PDB file of N, CA and C in Angstrom:
ATOM      1  N   MET A   1      31.009 200.460-178.673  1.00  0.00           N
ATOM      2  CA  MET A   1      30.036 200.897-180.114  1.00  0.00           C
ATOM      3  C   MET A   1      30.787 200.681-180.883  1.00  0.00           C
ATOM      4  N   TYR A   2      30.449 200.088-181.991  1.00  0.00           N
ATOM      5  CA  TYR A   2      30.743 200.333-183.784  1.00  0.00           C
ATOM      6  C   TYR A   2      29.918 201.657-184.413  1.00  0.00           C
ATOM      7  N   ALA A   3      30.912 202.869-185.299  1.00  0.00           N
ATOM      8  CA  ALA A   3      29.881 203.388-186.035  1.00  0.00           C
ATOM      9  C   ALA A   3      29.716 202.281-187.253  1.00  0.00           C
ATOM     10  N   ALA A   4      27.925 202.610-187.355  1.00  0.00           N
ATOM     11  CA  ALA A   4      26.822 202.125-188.405  1.00  0.00           C
ATOM     12  C   ALA A   4      27.993 202.092-189.809  1.00  0.00           C
ATOM     13  N   VAL A   5      29.302 203.367-189.559  1.00  0.00           N
ATOM     14  CA  VAL A   5      29.398 203.104-191.676  1.00  0.00           C
ATOM     15  C   VAL A   5      30.978 201.746-191.196  1.00  0.00           C
ATOM     16  N   ASP A   6      31.624 202.190-189.595  1.00  0.00           N
ATOM     17  CA  ASP A   6      32.820 200.707-189.838  1.00  0.00           C
ATOM     18  C   ASP A   6      32.505 199.620-188.975  1.00  0.00           C
ATOM     19  N   VAL A   7      30.698 199.214-188.985  1.00  0.00           N
ATOM     20  CA  VAL A   7      30.144 197.984-189.675  1.00  0.00           C
ATOM     21  C   VAL A   7      30.165 197.169-190.752  1.00  0.00           C
ATOM     22  N   ILE A   8      29.584 197.750-192.112  1.00  0.00           N
ATOM     23  CA  ILE A   8      29.137 198.324-193.112  1.00  0.00           C
ATOM     24  C   ILE A   8      30.386 197.790-193.699  1.00  0.00           C
ATOM     25  N   LYS A   9      31.655 198.411-193.700  1.00  0.00           N
ATOM     26  CA  LYS A   9      32.787 198.355-193.698  1.00  0.00           C
ATOM     27  C   LYS A   9      33.731 197.068-193.847  1.00  0.00           C
ATOM     28  N   ALA A  10      33.429 196.817-192.087  1.00  0.00           N
ATOM     29  CA  ALA A  10      33.623 195.266-191.908  1.00  0.00           C
ATOM     30  C   ALA A  10      32.894 194.176-192.565  1.00  0.00           C
ATOM     31  N   VAL A  11      31.427 193.846-192.293  1.00  0.00           N
ATOM     32  CA  VAL A  11      30.613 192.912-193.221  1.00  0.00           C
ATOM     33  C   VAL A  11      31.590 192.998-194.445  1.00  0.00           C
ATOM     34  N   GLU A  12      31.750 194.396-195.614  1.00  0.00           N
ATOM     35  CA  GLU A  12      32.006 194.426-196.603  1.00  0.00           C
ATOM     36  C   GLU A  12      33.716 193.766-197.145  1.00  0.00           C
ATOM     37  N   GLU A  13      34.593 193.926-195.621  1.00  0.00           N
ATOM     38  CA  GLU A  13      35.252 193.588-196.537  1.00  0.00           C
ATOM     39  C   GLU A  13      36.081 191.809-195.814  1.00  0.00           C
ATOM     40  N   MET A  14      35.249 191.214-194.554  1.00  0.00           N
ATOM     41  CA  MET A  14      34.792 190.051-194.706  1.00  0.00           C
ATOM     42  C   MET A  14      33.834 189.218-196.143  1.00  0.00           C
ATOM     43  N   ARG A  15      33.506 189.834-196.885  1.00  0.00           N
ATOM     44  CA  ARG A  15      31.923 189.197-197.775  1.00  0.00           C
ATOM     45  C   ARG A  15      33.162 189.148-199.065  1.00  0.00           C
ATOM     46  N   LYS A  16      34.202 190.397-198.556  1.00  0.00           N
ATOM     47  CA  LYS A  16      35.233 189.834-199.504  1.00  0.00           C
ATOM     48  C   LYS A  16      36.894 188.585-199.431  1.00  0.00           C
ATOM     49  N   ILE A  17      36.986 188.361-198.700  1.00  0.00           N
ATOM     50  CA  ILE A  17      37.827 187.612-197.430  1.00  0.00           C
ATOM     51  C   ILE A  17      36.990 185.979-197.843  1.00  0.00           C
ATOM     52  N   ARG A  18      35.828 186.127-197.462  1.00  0.00           N
ATOM     53  CA  ARG A  18      34.861 184.820-198.211  1.00  0.00           C
ATOM     54  C   ARG A  18      35.523 184.551-199.293  1.00  0.00           C
ATOM     55  N   LYS A  19      34.780 186.118-200.181  1.00  0.00           N
ATOM     56  CA  LYS A  19      34.521 185.073-202.211  1.00  0.00           C
ATOM     57  C   LYS A  19      36.544 184.930-201.663  1.00  0.00           C
ATOM     58  N   SER A  20      37.378 185.374-201.278  1.00  0.00           N
ATOM     59  CA  SER A  20      38.712 185.632-202.650  1.00  0.00           C
ATOM     60  C   SER A  20      39.142 184.063-201.170  1.00  0.00           C
ATOM     61  N   THR A  21      38.782 183.614-200.303  1.00  0.00           N
ATOM     62  CA  THR A  21      38.885 182.522-199.817  1.00  0.00           C
ATOM     63  C   THR A  21      38.669 181.259-199.313  1.00  0.00           C
ATOM     64  N   LYS A  22      36.867 181.174-200.665  1.00  0.00           N
ATOM     65  CA  LYS A  22      36.442 179.330-200.153  1.00  0.00           C
ATOM     66  C   LYS A  22      37.010 178.267-200.075  1.00  0.00           C
ATOM     67  N   LYS A  23      38.382 178.256-201.671  1.00  0.00           N
ATOM     68  CA  LYS A  23      39.388 177.177-200.714  1.00  0.00           C
ATOM     69  C   LYS A  23      40.423 176.866-199.244  1.00  0.00           C
ATOM     70  N   VAL A  24      40.672 178.431-198.657  1.00  0.00           N
ATOM     71  CA  VAL A  24      40.836 178.354-197.066  1.00  0.00           C
ATOM     72  C   VAL A  24      39.695 178.532-196.514  1.00  0.00           C
ATOM     73  N   SER A  25      38.748 178.561-196.113  1.00  0.00           N
ATOM     74  CA  SER A  25      36.885 178.724-195.915  1.00  0.00           C
ATOM     75  C   SER A  25      38.136 177.469-194.526  1.00  0.00           C
ATOM     76  N   LYS A  26      38.169 176.900-194.764  1.00  0.00           N
ATOM     77  CA  LYS A  26      38.019 174.732-193.660  1.00  0.00           C
ATOM     78  C   LYS A  26      39.052 175.011-192.588  1.00  0.00           C
ATOM     79  N   THR A  27      40.310 176.213-193.849  1.00  0.00           N
ATOM     80  CA  THR A  27      41.248 176.898-192.544  1.00  0.00           C
ATOM     81  C   THR A  27      41.242 177.608-191.468  1.00  0.00           C
ATOM     82  N   PHE A  28      40.603 178.507-191.848  1.00  0.00           N
ATOM     83  CA  PHE A  28      40.348 180.123-192.310  1.00  0.00           C
ATOM     84  C   PHE A  28      39.026 180.977-191.683  1.00  0.00           C
ATOM     85  N   SER A  29      38.612 179.726-190.502  1.00  0.00           N
ATOM     86  CA  SER A  29      37.242 180.030-190.807  1.00  0.00           C
ATOM     87  C   SER A  29      36.822 181.575-189.894  1.00  0.00           C
ATOM     88  N   PHE A  30      35.323 182.607-190.000  1.00  0.00           N
ATOM     89  CA  PHE A  30      34.892 182.892-189.019  1.00  0.00           C
ATOM     90  C   PHE A  30      33.910 182.205-188.026  1.00  0.00           C
ATOM     91  N   PRO A  31      33.776 181.859-186.891  1.00  0.00           N
ATOM     92  CA  PRO A  31      32.417 181.116-186.927  1.00  0.00           C
ATOM     93  C   PRO A  31      31.948 182.081-185.709  1.00  0.00           C
ATOM     94  N   ASN A  32      30.220 182.282-185.950  1.00  0.00           N
ATOM     95  CA  ASN A  32      29.892 183.282-185.890  1.00  0.00           C
ATOM     96  C   ASN A  32      30.112 185.018-185.527  1.00  0.00           C
ATOM     97  N   SER A  33      31.116 184.773-186.612  1.00  0.00           N
ATOM     98  CA  SER A  33      32.148 186.403-186.629  1.00  0.00           C
ATOM     99  C   SER A  33      29.743 187.246-187.432  1.00  0.00           C
ATOM    100  N   SER A  34      29.856 186.420-188.351  1.00  0.00           N
ATOM    101  CA  SER A  34      28.401 187.618-189.086  1.00  0.00           C
ATOM    102  C   SER A  34      27.243 188.001-188.630  1.00  0.00           C
ATOM    103  N   GLY A  35      27.572 186.663-187.674  1.00  0.00           N
ATOM    104  CA  GLY A  35      25.693 186.842-186.416  1.00  0.00           C
ATOM    105  C   GLY A  35      25.883 188.255-185.501  1.00  0.00           C
ATOM    106  N   VAL A  36      27.862 188.057-185.381  1.00  0.00           N
ATOM    107  CA  VAL A  36      27.758 189.326-183.796  1.00  0.00           C
ATOM    108  C   VAL A  36      27.226 190.717-185.155  1.00  0.00           C
ATOM    109  N   ILE A  37      27.876 190.839-186.607  1.00  0.00           N
ATOM    110  CA  ILE A  37      27.959 191.861-186.649  1.00  0.00           C
ATOM    111  C   ILE A  37      26.338 192.501-187.418  1.00  0.00           C
ATOM    112  N   GLU A  38      25.475 191.063-187.694  1.00  0.00           N
ATOM    113  CA  GLU A  38      24.312 191.708-187.575  1.00  0.00           C
ATOM    114  C   GLU A  38      23.768 192.073-186.238  1.00  0.00           C
ATOM    115  N   LYS A  39      23.997 191.588-185.305  1.00  0.00           N
ATOM    116  CA  LYS A  39      23.510 191.795-183.935  1.00  0.00           C
ATOM    117  C   LYS A  39      23.901 193.471-183.144  1.00  0.00           C
ATOM    118  N   CYS A  40      25.061 193.706-183.991  1.00  0.00           N
ATOM    119  CA  CYS A  40      25.745 195.469-184.043  1.00  0.00           C
ATOM    120  C   CYS A  40      24.951 195.443-185.006  1.00  0.00           C
ATOM    121  N   ILE A  41      24.359 195.784-186.268  1.00  0.00           N
ATOM    122  CA  ILE A  41      24.067 196.120-187.091  1.00  0.00           C
ATOM    123  C   ILE A  41      21.847 196.611-186.442  1.00  0.00           C
ATOM    124  N   ARG A  42      21.796 195.677-186.206  1.00  0.00           N
ATOM    125  CA  ARG A  42      20.281 195.608-185.343  1.00  0.00           C
ATOM    126  C   ARG A  42      20.116 196.895-184.209  1.00  0.00           C
ATOM    127  N   GLN A  43      21.513 196.830-183.545  1.00  0.00           N
ATOM    128  CA  GLN A  43      20.998 197.723-182.103  1.00  0.00           C
ATOM    129  C   GLN A  43      20.541 199.037-182.729  1.00  0.00           C
ATOM    130  N   LEU A  44      21.987 199.145-183.829  1.00  0.00           N
ATOM    131  CA  LEU A  44      22.277 199.974-184.845  1.00  0.00           C
ATOM    132  C   LEU A  44      21.066 200.850-185.121  1.00  0.00           C
ATOM    133  N   THR A  45      20.325 200.596-186.142  1.00  0.00           N
ATOM    134  CA  THR A  45      19.905 200.826-186.660  1.00  0.00           C
ATOM    135  C   THR A  45      18.497 201.119-185.911  1.00  0.00           C
TER     136      THR A  45
END
């Protein structure tokens, strides 16, 4: 289990990465990772 703060930090980091690497997103993608984090958040809250 992740702490809620750690999950939120991970989401923020992923959002930063996605914004800064939109052009690279095709070669460097996160398949279904956002859905997994959302599930973790739903379980914690």
